[in-house]
């Protein structure tokens, strides 16, 4: 049970950062308006 809880906590903490990274990489590829915002990035990561 403890291992399952650790894995769930890791995924919950890691997912927002990974999704933010994917958004920035996708925006770079598509040449969309900049998604980079220093304050938002600091909060997420």
PDB file of N, CA and C in Angstrom:
ATOM      1  N   UNK A   1       0.825  -1.204   0.000  1.00  0.00           N
ATOM      2  CA  UNK A   1       0.000   0.000   0.000  1.00  0.00           C
ATOM      3  C   UNK A   1       0.863   1.259   0.000  1.00  0.00           C
ATOM      4  N   UNK A   2       1.926   1.225   0.768  1.00  0.00           N
ATOM      5  CA  UNK A   2       2.787   2.410   0.837  1.00  0.00           C
ATOM      6  C   UNK A   2       3.416   2.690  -0.527  1.00  0.00           C
ATOM      7  N   UNK A   3       3.844   1.651  -1.210  1.00  0.00           N
ATOM      8  CA  UNK A   3       4.439   1.833  -2.532  1.00  0.00           C
ATOM      9  C   UNK A   3       3.418   2.420  -3.502  1.00  0.00           C
ATOM     10  N   UNK A   4       2.205   1.939  -3.448  1.00  0.00           N
ATOM     11  CA  UNK A   4       1.157   2.470  -4.323  1.00  0.00           C
ATOM     12  C   UNK A   4       0.920   3.948  -4.034  1.00  0.00           C
ATOM     13  N   UNK A   5       0.891   4.313  -2.761  1.00  0.00           N
ATOM     14  CA  UNK A   5       0.691   5.720  -2.399  1.00  0.00           C
ATOM     15  C   UNK A   5       1.853   6.584  -2.884  1.00  0.00           C
ATOM     16  N   UNK A   6       3.073   6.069  -2.784  1.00  0.00           N
ATOM     17  CA  UNK A   6       4.233   6.820  -3.268  1.00  0.00           C
ATOM     18  C   UNK A   6       4.168   7.012  -4.780  1.00  0.00           C
ATOM     19  N   UNK A   7       3.780   5.974  -5.490  1.00  0.00           N
ATOM     20  CA  UNK A   7       3.672   6.076  -6.947  1.00  0.00           C
ATOM     21  C   UNK A   7       2.592   7.084  -7.330  1.00  0.00           C
ATOM     22  N   UNK A   8       1.458   7.034  -6.661  1.00  0.00           N
ATOM     23  CA  UNK A   8       0.376   7.982  -6.949  1.00  0.00           C
ATOM     24  C   UNK A   8       0.821   9.414  -6.651  1.00  0.00           C
ATOM     25  N   UNK A   9       1.500   9.623  -5.532  1.00  0.00           N
ATOM     26  CA  UNK A   9       1.989  10.963  -5.186  1.00  0.00           C
ATOM     27  C   UNK A   9       2.998  11.455  -6.220  1.00  0.00           C
ATOM     28  N   UNK A  10       3.884  10.572  -6.673  1.00  0.00           N
ATOM     29  CA  UNK A  10       4.878  10.945  -7.678  1.00  0.00           C
ATOM     30  C   UNK A  10       4.197  11.362  -8.976  1.00  0.00           C
ATOM     31  N   UNK A  11       3.218  10.572  -9.420  1.00  0.00           N
ATOM     32  CA  UNK A  11       2.522  10.887 -10.669  1.00  0.00           C
ATOM     33  C   UNK A  11       1.776  12.213 -10.553  1.00  0.00           C
ATOM     34  N   UNK A  12       1.136  12.446  -9.417  1.00  0.00           N
ATOM     35  CA  UNK A  12       0.400  13.704  -9.222  1.00  0.00           C
ATOM     36  C   UNK A  12       1.351  14.899  -9.257  1.00  0.00           C
ATOM     37  N   UNK A  13       2.528  14.754  -8.677  1.00  0.00           N
ATOM     38  CA  UNK A  13       3.489  15.864  -8.645  1.00  0.00           C
ATOM     39  C   UNK A  13       4.205  16.036  -9.983  1.00  0.00           C
ATOM     40  N   UNK A  14       4.421  14.945 -10.709  1.00  0.00           N
ATOM     41  CA  UNK A  14       5.222  14.984 -11.923  1.00  0.00           C
ATOM     42  C   UNK A  14       4.402  15.381 -13.142  1.00  0.00           C
ATOM     43  N   UNK A  15       3.132  15.005 -13.192  1.00  0.00           N
ATOM     44  CA  UNK A  15       2.310  15.211 -14.381  1.00  0.00           C
ATOM     45  C   UNK A  15       2.164  16.680 -14.787  1.00  0.00           C
ATOM     46  N   UNK A  16       1.841  17.617 -13.879  1.00  0.00           N
ATOM     47  CA  UNK A  16       1.684  19.012 -14.333  1.00  0.00           C
ATOM     48  C   UNK A  16       2.948  19.574 -14.979  1.00  0.00           C
ATOM     49  N   UNK A  17       4.100  19.234 -14.428  1.00  0.00           N
ATOM     50  CA  UNK A  17       5.356  19.717 -14.991  1.00  0.00           C
ATOM     51  C   UNK A  17       5.579  19.129 -16.383  1.00  0.00           C
ATOM     52  N   UNK A  18       5.290  17.845 -16.550  1.00  0.00           N
ATOM     53  CA  UNK A  18       5.481  17.193 -17.843  1.00  0.00           C
ATOM     54  C   UNK A  18       4.516  17.754 -18.884  1.00  0.00           C
ATOM     55  N   UNK A  19       3.272  17.981 -18.488  1.00  0.00           N
ATOM     56  CA  UNK A  19       2.287  18.543 -19.415  1.00  0.00           C
ATOM     57  C   UNK A  19       2.703  19.950 -19.833  1.00  0.00           C
ATOM     58  N   UNK A  20       3.201  20.746 -18.886  1.00  0.00           N
ATOM     59  CA  UNK A  20       3.675  22.100 -19.206  1.00  0.00           C
ATOM     60  C   UNK A  20       4.838  22.034 -20.187  1.00  0.00           C
ATOM     61  N   UNK A  21       5.760  21.100 -19.988  1.00  0.00           N
ATOM     62  CA  UNK A  21       6.901  20.927 -20.890  1.00  0.00           C
ATOM     63  C   UNK A  21       6.413  20.543 -22.285  1.00  0.00           C
ATOM     64  N   UNK A  22       5.437  19.628 -22.356  1.00  0.00           N
ATOM     65  CA  UNK A  22       4.890  19.234 -23.655  1.00  0.00           C
ATOM     66  C   UNK A  22       4.223  20.415 -24.356  1.00  0.00           C
ATOM     67  N   UNK A  23       3.496  21.241 -23.621  1.00  0.00           N
ATOM     68  CA  UNK A  23       2.854  22.413 -24.219  1.00  0.00           C
ATOM     69  C   UNK A  23       3.883  23.362 -24.816  1.00  0.00           C
ATOM     70  N   UNK A  24       4.965  23.595 -24.092  1.00  0.00           N
ATOM     71  CA  UNK A  24       5.999  24.503 -24.590  1.00  0.00           C
ATOM     72  C   UNK A  24       6.673  23.915 -25.824  1.00  0.00           C
ATOM     73  N   UNK A  25       6.996  22.618 -25.798  1.00  0.00           N
ATOM     74  CA  UNK A  25       7.620  21.980 -26.961  1.00  0.00           C
ATOM     75  C   UNK A  25       6.687  22.006 -28.166  1.00  0.00           C
ATOM     76  N   UNK A  26       5.402  21.746 -27.953  1.00  0.00           N
ATOM     77  CA  UNK A  26       4.434  21.766 -29.048  1.00  0.00           C
ATOM     78  C   UNK A  26       4.293  23.172 -29.615  1.00  0.00           C
ATOM     79  N   UNK A  27       4.268  24.160 -28.755  1.00  0.00           N
ATOM     80  CA  UNK A  27       4.164  25.545 -29.217  1.00  0.00           C
ATOM     81  C   UNK A  27       5.390  25.928 -30.039  1.00  0.00           C
ATOM     82  N   UNK A  28       6.564  25.406 -29.662  1.00  0.00           N
ATOM     83  CA  UNK A  28       7.768  25.682 -30.442  1.00  0.00           C
ATOM     84  C   UNK A  28       7.664  25.068 -31.838  1.00  0.00           C
ATOM     85  N   UNK A  29       7.114  23.868 -31.921  1.00  0.00           N
ATOM     86  CA  UNK A  29       7.002  23.194 -33.214  1.00  0.00           C
ATOM     87  C   UNK A  29       5.963  23.858 -34.115  1.00  0.00           C
ATOM     88  N   UNK A  30       4.868  24.325 -33.526  1.00  0.00           N
ATOM     89  CA  UNK A  30       3.766  24.878 -34.304  1.00  0.00           C
ATOM     90  C   UNK A  30       3.979  26.358 -34.600  1.00  0.00           C
ATOM     91  N   UNK A  31       4.957  26.972 -33.919  1.00  0.00           N
ATOM     92  CA  UNK A  31       5.219  28.405 -34.048  1.00  0.00           C
ATOM     93  C   UNK A  31       4.013  29.218 -33.570  1.00  0.00           C
ATOM     94  N   UNK A  32       3.448  28.775 -32.461  1.00  0.00           N
ATOM     95  CA  UNK A  32       2.312  29.465 -31.841  1.00  0.00           C
ATOM     96  C   UNK A  32       2.837  30.622 -30.994  1.00  0.00           C
ATOM     97  N   UNK A  33       1.938  31.482 -30.525  1.00  0.00           N
ATOM     98  CA  UNK A  33       2.378  32.539 -29.600  1.00  0.00           C
ATOM     99  C   UNK A  33       3.043  31.930 -28.371  1.00  0.00           C
ATOM    100  N   UNK A  34       3.950  32.656 -27.805  1.00  0.00           N
ATOM    101  CA  UNK A  34       4.746  32.123 -26.700  1.00  0.00           C
ATOM    102  C   UNK A  34       3.884  31.766 -25.495  1.00  0.00           C
ATOM    103  N   UNK A  35       4.083  30.546 -24.984  1.00  0.00           N
ATOM    104  CA  UNK A  35       3.396  30.103 -23.774  1.00  0.00           C
ATOM    105  C   UNK A  35       4.249  30.352 -22.543  1.00  0.00           C
ATOM    106  N   UNK A  36       5.468  30.833 -22.750  1.00  0.00           N
ATOM    107  CA  UNK A  36       6.387  30.971 -21.630  1.00  0.00           C
ATOM    108  C   UNK A  36       5.966  32.132 -20.754  1.00  0.00           C
ATOM    109  N   UNK A  37       5.765  31.833 -19.502  1.00  0.00           N
ATOM    110  CA  UNK A  37       5.435  32.856 -18.513  1.00  0.00           C
ATOM    111  C   UNK A  37       6.215  32.489 -17.265  1.00  0.00           C
ATOM    112  N   UNK A  38       7.176  33.309 -16.904  1.00  0.00           N
ATOM    113  CA  UNK A  38       8.079  32.971 -15.813  1.00  0.00           C
ATOM    114  C   UNK A  38       7.386  32.664 -14.502  1.00  0.00           C
ATOM    115  N   UNK A  39       6.387  33.455 -14.147  1.00  0.00           N
ATOM    116  CA  UNK A  39       5.723  33.228 -12.861  1.00  0.00           C
ATOM    117  C   UNK A  39       4.906  31.945 -12.876  1.00  0.00           C
ATOM    118  N   UNK A  40       4.225  31.666 -13.974  1.00  0.00           N
ATOM    119  CA  UNK A  40       3.443  30.428 -14.059  1.00  0.00           C
ATOM    120  C   UNK A  40       4.371  29.229 -14.055  1.00  0.00           C
ATOM    121  N   UNK A  41       5.462  29.311 -14.801  1.00  0.00           N
ATOM    122  CA  UNK A  41       6.402  28.195 -14.858  1.00  0.00           C
ATOM    123  C   UNK A  41       7.004  27.926 -13.487  1.00  0.00           C
ATOM    124  N   UNK A  42       7.291  28.967 -12.726  1.00  0.00           N
ATOM    125  CA  UNK A  42       7.845  28.785 -11.385  1.00  0.00           C
ATOM    126  C   UNK A  42       6.855  28.065 -10.480  1.00  0.00           C
ATOM    127  N   UNK A  43       5.592  28.410 -10.578  1.00  0.00           N
ATOM    128  CA  UNK A  43       4.574  27.766  -9.739  1.00  0.00           C
ATOM    129  C   UNK A  43       4.420  26.302 -10.115  1.00  0.00           C
ATOM    130  N   UNK A  44       4.398  26.013 -11.407  1.00  0.00           N
ATOM    131  CA  UNK A  44       4.161  24.634 -11.851  1.00  0.00           C
ATOM    132  C   UNK A  44       5.347  23.739 -11.543  1.00  0.00           C
ATOM    133  N   UNK A  45       6.547  24.253 -11.749  1.00  0.00           N
ATOM    134  CA  UNK A  45       7.719  23.405 -11.521  1.00  0.00           C
ATOM    135  C   UNK A  45       8.264  23.660 -10.143  1.00  0.00           C
TER     136      UNK A  45
END
